[in-house]
């Protein structure tokens, strides 16, 4: 049995589309390009969503790890 750590799961999600939900209720969807040990993320082709509706296209975006409550494959 292989041990799986949170950073291992993020590494498997690299270059895949992810949904990131923040403490303020907003969601960001984009390709996970990179992350660090603080779970700061860089997304490519990012879109911001509120209440399921796309509010704006952001392109390459940095999301600070301490604002994140959920990361999931899209």
PDB file of N, CA and C in Angstrom:
ATOM      1  N   UNK A   1       0.848  -1.176   0.000  1.00  0.00           N
ATOM      2  CA  UNK A   1       0.000   0.000   0.000  1.00  0.00           C
ATOM      3  C   UNK A   1       0.893   1.237   0.000  1.00  0.00           C
ATOM      4  N   UNK A   2       0.617   2.161  -0.914  1.00  0.00           N
ATOM      5  CA  UNK A   2       1.429   3.368  -0.971  1.00  0.00           C
ATOM      6  C   UNK A   2       0.823   4.436  -0.081  1.00  0.00           C
ATOM      7  N   UNK A   3       1.704   5.174   0.544  1.00  0.00           N
ATOM      8  CA  UNK A   3       1.250   6.265   1.404  1.00  0.00           C
ATOM      9  C   UNK A   3       0.905   7.454   0.526  1.00  0.00           C
ATOM     10  N   UNK A   4      -0.237   8.064   0.767  1.00  0.00           N
ATOM     11  CA  UNK A   4      -0.651   9.213  -0.025  1.00  0.00           C
ATOM     12  C   UNK A   4      -0.777  10.420   0.886  1.00  0.00           C
ATOM     13  N   UNK A   5      -0.068  11.472   0.525  1.00  0.00           N
ATOM     14  CA  UNK A   5      -0.101  12.711   1.295  1.00  0.00           C
ATOM     15  C   UNK A   5      -0.815  13.778   0.473  1.00  0.00           C
ATOM     16  N   UNK A   6      -1.288  14.836   1.109  1.00  0.00           N
ATOM     17  CA  UNK A   6      -1.994  15.881   0.362  1.00  0.00           C
ATOM     18  C   UNK A   6      -1.196  16.427  -0.820  1.00  0.00           C
ATOM     19  N   UNK A   7       0.102  16.643  -0.640  1.00  0.00           N
ATOM     20  CA  UNK A   7       0.899  17.168  -1.752  1.00  0.00           C
ATOM     21  C   UNK A   7       1.032  16.147  -2.881  1.00  0.00           C
ATOM     22  N   UNK A   8       0.991  14.842  -2.542  1.00  0.00           N
ATOM     23  CA  UNK A   8       1.004  13.810  -3.586  1.00  0.00           C
ATOM     24  C   UNK A   8      -0.259  13.900  -4.430  1.00  0.00           C
ATOM     25  N   UNK A   9      -1.393  14.108  -3.778  1.00  0.00           N
ATOM     26  CA  UNK A   9      -2.665  14.228  -4.499  1.00  0.00           C
ATOM     27  C   UNK A   9      -2.635  15.460  -5.408  1.00  0.00           C
ATOM     28  N   UNK A  10      -2.097  16.554  -4.914  1.00  0.00           N
ATOM     29  CA  UNK A  10      -1.988  17.754  -5.751  1.00  0.00           C
ATOM     30  C   UNK A  10      -1.053  17.512  -6.925  1.00  0.00           C
ATOM     31  N   UNK A  11       0.020  16.787  -6.695  1.00  0.00           N
ATOM     32  CA  UNK A  11       0.962  16.503  -7.767  1.00  0.00           C
ATOM     33  C   UNK A  11       0.298  15.711  -8.889  1.00  0.00           C
ATOM     34  N   UNK A  12      -0.590  14.770  -8.522  1.00  0.00           N
ATOM     35  CA  UNK A  12      -1.325  13.990  -9.532  1.00  0.00           C
ATOM     36  C   UNK A  12      -2.308  14.863 -10.306  1.00  0.00           C
ATOM     37  N   UNK A  13      -2.755  15.955  -9.689  1.00  0.00           N
ATOM     38  CA  UNK A  13      -3.715  16.861 -10.344  1.00  0.00           C
ATOM     39  C   UNK A  13      -3.034  17.914 -11.225  1.00  0.00           C
ATOM     40  N   UNK A  14      -1.699  17.962 -11.203  1.00  0.00           N
ATOM     41  CA  UNK A  14      -0.975  18.945 -12.004  1.00  0.00           C
ATOM     42  C   UNK A  14      -1.312  18.787 -13.494  1.00  0.00           C
ATOM     43  N   UNK A  15      -1.520  19.916 -14.164  1.00  0.00           N
ATOM     44  CA  UNK A  15      -1.894  19.974 -15.589  1.00  0.00           C
ATOM     45  C   UNK A  15      -3.285  19.401 -15.860  1.00  0.00           C
ATOM     46  N   UNK A  16      -4.101  19.274 -14.818  1.00  0.00           N
ATOM     47  CA  UNK A  16      -5.499  18.872 -14.976  1.00  0.00           C
ATOM     48  C   UNK A  16      -6.387  20.023 -14.514  1.00  0.00           C
ATOM     49  N   UNK A  17      -7.628  19.994 -14.957  1.00  0.00           N
ATOM     50  CA  UNK A  17      -8.587  21.032 -14.574  1.00  0.00           C
ATOM     51  C   UNK A  17      -9.070  20.778 -13.153  1.00  0.00           C
ATOM     52  N   UNK A  18      -8.992  21.814 -12.315  1.00  0.00           N
ATOM     53  CA  UNK A  18      -9.418  21.695 -10.926  1.00  0.00           C
ATOM     54  C   UNK A  18     -10.424  22.792 -10.584  1.00  0.00           C
ATOM     55  N   UNK A  19     -11.207  22.509  -9.555  1.00  0.00           N
ATOM     56  CA  UNK A  19     -12.105  23.503  -8.965  1.00  0.00           C
ATOM     57  C   UNK A  19     -11.525  23.845  -7.603  1.00  0.00           C
ATOM     58  N   UNK A  20     -11.364  25.132  -7.350  1.00  0.00           N
ATOM     59  CA  UNK A  20     -10.825  25.597  -6.075  1.00  0.00           C
ATOM     60  C   UNK A  20     -11.899  26.460  -5.421  1.00  0.00           C
ATOM     61  N   UNK A  21     -12.328  26.080  -4.223  1.00  0.00           N
ATOM     62  CA  UNK A  21     -13.335  26.854  -3.499  1.00  0.00           C
ATOM     63  C   UNK A  21     -12.659  27.599  -2.360  1.00  0.00           C
ATOM     64  N   UNK A  22     -13.006  28.885  -2.227  1.00  0.00           N
ATOM     65  CA  UNK A  22     -12.377  29.733  -1.222  1.00  0.00           C
ATOM     66  C   UNK A  22     -13.312  30.001  -0.052  1.00  0.00           C
ATOM     67  N   UNK A  23     -12.742  30.496   1.027  1.00  0.00           N
ATOM     68  CA  UNK A  23     -13.502  30.815   2.237  1.00  0.00           C
ATOM     69  C   UNK A  23     -14.588  31.855   1.969  1.00  0.00           C
ATOM     70  N   UNK A  24     -14.379  32.724   0.977  1.00  0.00           N
ATOM     71  CA  UNK A  24     -15.372  33.765   0.677  1.00  0.00           C
ATOM     72  C   UNK A  24     -16.515  33.267  -0.214  1.00  0.00           C
ATOM     73  N   UNK A  25     -16.529  31.963  -0.535  1.00  0.00           N
ATOM     74  CA  UNK A  25     -17.612  31.376  -1.318  1.00  0.00           C
ATOM     75  C   UNK A  25     -17.375  31.371  -2.814  1.00  0.00           C
ATOM     76  N   UNK A  26     -16.331  32.037  -3.277  1.00  0.00           N
ATOM     77  CA  UNK A  26     -16.037  32.049  -4.714  1.00  0.00           C
ATOM     78  C   UNK A  26     -15.349  30.752  -5.111  1.00  0.00           C
ATOM     79  N   UNK A  27     -15.512  30.398  -6.378  1.00  0.00           N
ATOM     80  CA  UNK A  27     -14.849  29.223  -6.937  1.00  0.00           C
ATOM     81  C   UNK A  27     -14.004  29.666  -8.116  1.00  0.00           C
ATOM     82  N   UNK A  28     -12.881  28.993  -8.284  1.00  0.00           N
ATOM     83  CA  UNK A  28     -12.016  29.221  -9.428  1.00  0.00           C
ATOM     84  C   UNK A  28     -11.795  27.887 -10.109  1.00  0.00           C
ATOM     85  N   UNK A  29     -11.918  27.890 -11.426  1.00  0.00           N
ATOM     86  CA  UNK A  29     -11.719  26.682 -12.217  1.00  0.00           C
ATOM     87  C   UNK A  29     -10.604  26.971 -13.213  1.00  0.00           C
ATOM     88  N   UNK A  30      -9.640  26.064 -13.288  1.00  0.00           N
ATOM     89  CA  UNK A  30      -8.543  26.244 -14.231  1.00  0.00           C
ATOM     90  C   UNK A  30      -7.592  25.065 -14.172  1.00  0.00           C
ATOM     91  N   UNK A  31      -6.550  25.128 -15.002  1.00  0.00           N
ATOM     92  CA  UNK A  31      -5.539  24.080 -15.035  1.00  0.00           C
ATOM     93  C   UNK A  31      -4.517  24.331 -13.941  1.00  0.00           C
ATOM     94  N   UNK A  32      -4.324  23.351 -13.077  1.00  0.00           N
ATOM     95  CA  UNK A  32      -3.344  23.478 -12.009  1.00  0.00           C
ATOM     96  C   UNK A  32      -1.948  23.373 -12.605  1.00  0.00           C
ATOM     97  N   UNK A  33      -1.188  24.462 -12.536  1.00  0.00           N
ATOM     98  CA  UNK A  33       0.161  24.477 -13.098  1.00  0.00           C
ATOM     99  C   UNK A  33       1.214  24.215 -12.038  1.00  0.00           C
ATOM    100  N   UNK A  34       1.065  24.825 -10.866  1.00  0.00           N
ATOM    101  CA  UNK A  34       2.063  24.614  -9.822  1.00  0.00           C
ATOM    102  C   UNK A  34       1.478  24.940  -8.455  1.00  0.00           C
ATOM    103  N   UNK A  35       2.216  24.509  -7.415  1.00  0.00           N
ATOM    104  CA  UNK A  35       1.815  24.750  -6.028  1.00  0.00           C
ATOM    105  C   UNK A  35       3.056  24.654  -5.166  1.00  0.00           C
ATOM    106  N   UNK A  36       2.942  25.106  -3.917  1.00  0.00           N
ATOM    107  CA  UNK A  36       4.052  24.993  -2.982  1.00  0.00           C
ATOM    108  C   UNK A  36       3.565  24.347  -1.684  1.00  0.00           C
ATOM    109  N   UNK A  37       4.438  24.277  -0.690  1.00  0.00           N
ATOM    110  CA  UNK A  37       4.084  23.585   0.551  1.00  0.00           C
ATOM    111  C   UNK A  37       2.992  24.304   1.342  1.00  0.00           C
ATOM    112  N   UNK A  38       2.731  25.565   1.015  1.00  0.00           N
ATOM    113  CA  UNK A  38       1.658  26.321   1.671  1.00  0.00           C
ATOM    114  C   UNK A  38       0.341  26.194   0.909  1.00  0.00           C
ATOM    115  N   UNK A  39       0.319  25.364  -0.132  1.00  0.00           N
ATOM    116  CA  UNK A  39      -0.822  25.142  -1.019  1.00  0.00           C
ATOM    117  C   UNK A  39      -1.198  26.435  -1.776  1.00  0.00           C
ATOM    118  N   UNK A  40      -0.240  27.338  -1.934  1.00  0.00           N
ATOM    119  CA  UNK A  40      -0.437  28.441  -2.871  1.00  0.00           C
ATOM    120  C   UNK A  40      -0.480  27.806  -4.252  1.00  0.00           C
ATOM    121  N   UNK A  41      -1.435  28.223  -5.086  1.00  0.00           N
ATOM    122  CA  UNK A  41      -1.629  27.599  -6.389  1.00  0.00           C
ATOM    123  C   UNK A  41      -1.440  28.593  -7.521  1.00  0.00           C
ATOM    124  N   UNK A  42      -1.011  28.083  -8.671  1.00  0.00           N
ATOM    125  CA  UNK A  42      -1.050  28.841  -9.914  1.00  0.00           C
ATOM    126  C   UNK A  42      -1.963  28.067 -10.855  1.00  0.00           C
ATOM    127  N   UNK A  43      -3.011  28.752 -11.344  1.00  0.00           N
ATOM    128  CA  UNK A  43      -3.947  28.171 -12.313  1.00  0.00           C
ATOM    129  C   UNK A  43      -3.791  28.886 -13.646  1.00  0.00           C
ATOM    130  N   UNK A  44      -3.837  28.132 -14.731  1.00  0.00           N
ATOM    131  CA  UNK A  44      -3.886  28.702 -16.084  1.00  0.00           C
ATOM    132  C   UNK A  44      -5.330  28.657 -16.563  1.00  0.00           C
ATOM    133  N   UNK A  45      -5.676  29.593 -17.443  1.00  0.00           N
ATOM    134  CA  UNK A  45      -7.036  29.672 -18.016  1.00  0.00           C
ATOM    135  C   UNK A  45      -8.093  29.699 -16.921  1.00  0.00           C
ATOM    136  N   UNK A  46      -7.819  30.428 -15.854  1.00  0.00           N
ATOM    137  CA  UNK A  46      -8.717  30.445 -14.700  1.00  0.00           C
ATOM    138  C   UNK A  46      -9.977  31.255 -14.977  1.00  0.00           C
ATOM    139  N   UNK A  47     -11.076  30.773 -14.412  1.00  0.00           N
ATOM    140  CA  UNK A  47     -12.362  31.475 -14.438  1.00  0.00           C
ATOM    141  C   UNK A  47     -12.857  31.586 -13.006  1.00  0.00           C
ATOM    142  N   UNK A  48     -13.426  32.736 -12.688  1.00  0.00           N
ATOM    143  CA  UNK A  48     -14.020  32.938 -11.365  1.00  0.00           C
ATOM    144  C   UNK A  48     -15.514  32.671 -11.464  1.00  0.00           C
ATOM    145  N   UNK A  49     -16.045  31.988 -10.474  1.00  0.00           N
ATOM    146  CA  UNK A  49     -17.472  31.694 -10.436  1.00  0.00           C
ATOM    147  C   UNK A  49     -18.051  32.044  -9.079  1.00  0.00           C
ATOM    148  N   UNK A  50     -19.267  32.560  -9.113  1.00  0.00           N
ATOM    149  CA  UNK A  50     -20.029  32.792  -7.886  1.00  0.00           C
ATOM    150  C   UNK A  50     -21.412  32.200  -8.096  1.00  0.00           C
ATOM    151  N   UNK A  51     -21.861  31.396  -7.144  1.00  0.00           N
ATOM    152  CA  UNK A  51     -23.175  30.745  -7.202  1.00  0.00           C
ATOM    153  C   UNK A  51     -23.360  29.992  -8.519  1.00  0.00           C
ATOM    154  N   UNK A  52     -22.289  29.350  -8.992  1.00  0.00           N
ATOM    155  CA  UNK A  52     -22.356  28.540 -10.201  1.00  0.00           C
ATOM    156  C   UNK A  52     -22.278  29.313 -11.501  1.00  0.00           C
ATOM    157  N   UNK A  53     -22.272  30.633 -11.448  1.00  0.00           N
ATOM    158  CA  UNK A  53     -22.222  31.462 -12.656  1.00  0.00           C
ATOM    159  C   UNK A  53     -20.819  32.011 -12.867  1.00  0.00           C
ATOM    160  N   UNK A  54     -20.310  31.896 -14.106  1.00  0.00           N
ATOM    161  CA  UNK A  54     -18.999  32.447 -14.414  1.00  0.00           C
ATOM    162  C   UNK A  54     -19.079  33.970 -14.377  1.00  0.00           C
ATOM    163  N   UNK A  55     -18.255  34.610 -13.535  1.00  0.00           N
ATOM    164  CA  UNK A  55     -18.294  36.063 -13.401  1.00  0.00           C
ATOM    165  C   UNK A  55     -17.191  36.749 -14.200  1.00  0.00           C
ATOM    166  N   UNK A  56     -16.041  36.089 -14.351  1.00  0.00           N
ATOM    167  CA  UNK A  56     -14.988  36.679 -15.188  1.00  0.00           C
ATOM    168  C   UNK A  56     -13.906  35.662 -15.502  1.00  0.00           C
ATOM    169  N   UNK A  57     -13.226  35.901 -16.623  1.00  0.00           N
ATOM    170  CA  UNK A  57     -12.080  35.089 -17.033  1.00  0.00           C
ATOM    171  C   UNK A  57     -10.823  35.800 -16.557  1.00  0.00           C
ATOM    172  N   UNK A  58      -9.925  35.035 -15.945  1.00  0.00           N
ATOM    173  CA  UNK A  58      -8.746  35.633 -15.335  1.00  0.00           C
ATOM    174  C   UNK A  58      -7.429  35.256 -15.995  1.00  0.00           C
ATOM    175  N   UNK A  59      -7.397  34.208 -16.788  1.00  0.00           N
ATOM    176  CA  UNK A  59      -6.126  33.761 -17.353  1.00  0.00           C
ATOM    177  C   UNK A  59      -5.277  33.104 -16.284  1.00  0.00           C
ATOM    178  N   UNK A  60      -3.968  33.388 -16.276  1.00  0.00           N
ATOM    179  CA  UNK A  60      -3.071  32.819 -15.274  1.00  0.00           C
ATOM    180  C   UNK A  60      -3.276  33.543 -13.948  1.00  0.00           C
ATOM    181  N   UNK A  61      -3.515  32.775 -12.891  1.00  0.00           N
ATOM    182  CA  UNK A  61      -3.848  33.368 -11.591  1.00  0.00           C
ATOM    183  C   UNK A  61      -3.116  32.659 -10.463  1.00  0.00           C
ATOM    184  N   UNK A  62      -2.819  33.435  -9.426  1.00  0.00           N
ATOM    185  CA  UNK A  62      -2.200  32.927  -8.202  1.00  0.00           C
ATOM    186  C   UNK A  62      -3.264  32.941  -7.119  1.00  0.00           C
ATOM    187  N   UNK A  63      -3.438  31.819  -6.421  1.00  0.00           N
ATOM    188  CA  UNK A  63      -4.399  31.750  -5.317  1.00  0.00           C
ATOM    189  C   UNK A  63      -3.630  31.413  -4.047  1.00  0.00           C
ATOM    190  N   UNK A  64      -3.814  32.247  -3.058  1.00  0.00           N
ATOM    191  CA  UNK A  64      -3.113  32.074  -1.785  1.00  0.00           C
ATOM    192  C   UNK A  64      -3.699  30.895  -1.010  1.00  0.00           C
ATOM    193  N   UNK A  65      -2.837  30.017  -0.546  1.00  0.00           N
ATOM    194  CA  UNK A  65      -3.261  28.776   0.087  1.00  0.00           C
ATOM    195  C   UNK A  65      -4.128  28.928   1.310  1.00  0.00           C
ATOM    196  N   UNK A  66      -3.924  29.983   2.117  1.00  0.00           N
ATOM    197  CA  UNK A  66      -4.709  30.101   3.358  1.00  0.00           C
ATOM    198  C   UNK A  66      -6.134  30.568   3.120  1.00  0.00           C
ATOM    199  N   UNK A  67      -6.499  30.846   1.857  1.00  0.00           N
ATOM    200  CA  UNK A  67      -7.883  31.218   1.525  1.00  0.00           C
ATOM    201  C   UNK A  67      -8.689  30.030   1.008  1.00  0.00           C
ATOM    202  N   UNK A  68      -8.024  28.894   0.771  1.00  0.00           N
ATOM    203  CA  UNK A  68      -8.646  27.736   0.118  1.00  0.00           C
ATOM    204  C   UNK A  68      -9.292  26.813   1.148  1.00  0.00           C
ATOM    205  N   UNK A  69     -10.537  26.362   0.838  1.00  0.00           N
ATOM    206  CA  UNK A  69     -11.155  25.345   1.691  1.00  0.00           C
ATOM    207  C   UNK A  69     -11.314  24.011   0.960  1.00  0.00           C
ATOM    208  N   UNK A  70     -11.236  24.017  -0.402  1.00  0.00           N
ATOM    209  CA  UNK A  70     -11.454  22.781  -1.150  1.00  0.00           C
ATOM    210  C   UNK A  70     -10.750  22.860  -2.487  1.00  0.00           C
ATOM    211  N   UNK A  71     -10.124  21.751  -2.884  1.00  0.00           N
ATOM    212  CA  UNK A  71      -9.559  21.594  -4.227  1.00  0.00           C
ATOM    213  C   UNK A  71     -10.054  20.247  -4.735  1.00  0.00           C
ATOM    214  N   UNK A  72     -10.643  20.251  -5.938  1.00  0.00           N
ATOM    215  CA  UNK A  72     -11.186  19.023  -6.497  1.00  0.00           C
ATOM    216  C   UNK A  72     -10.921  18.980  -7.999  1.00  0.00           C
ATOM    217  N   UNK A  73     -10.765  17.770  -8.541  1.00  0.00           N
ATOM    218  CA  UNK A  73     -10.686  17.660  -9.994  1.00  0.00           C
ATOM    219  C   UNK A  73     -12.030  18.054 -10.581  1.00  0.00           C
ATOM    220  N   UNK A  74     -11.990  18.796 -11.673  1.00  0.00           N
ATOM    221  CA  UNK A  74     -13.237  19.250 -12.313  1.00  0.00           C
ATOM    222  C   UNK A  74     -13.879  18.121 -13.088  1.00  0.00           C
TER     223      UNK A  74
END
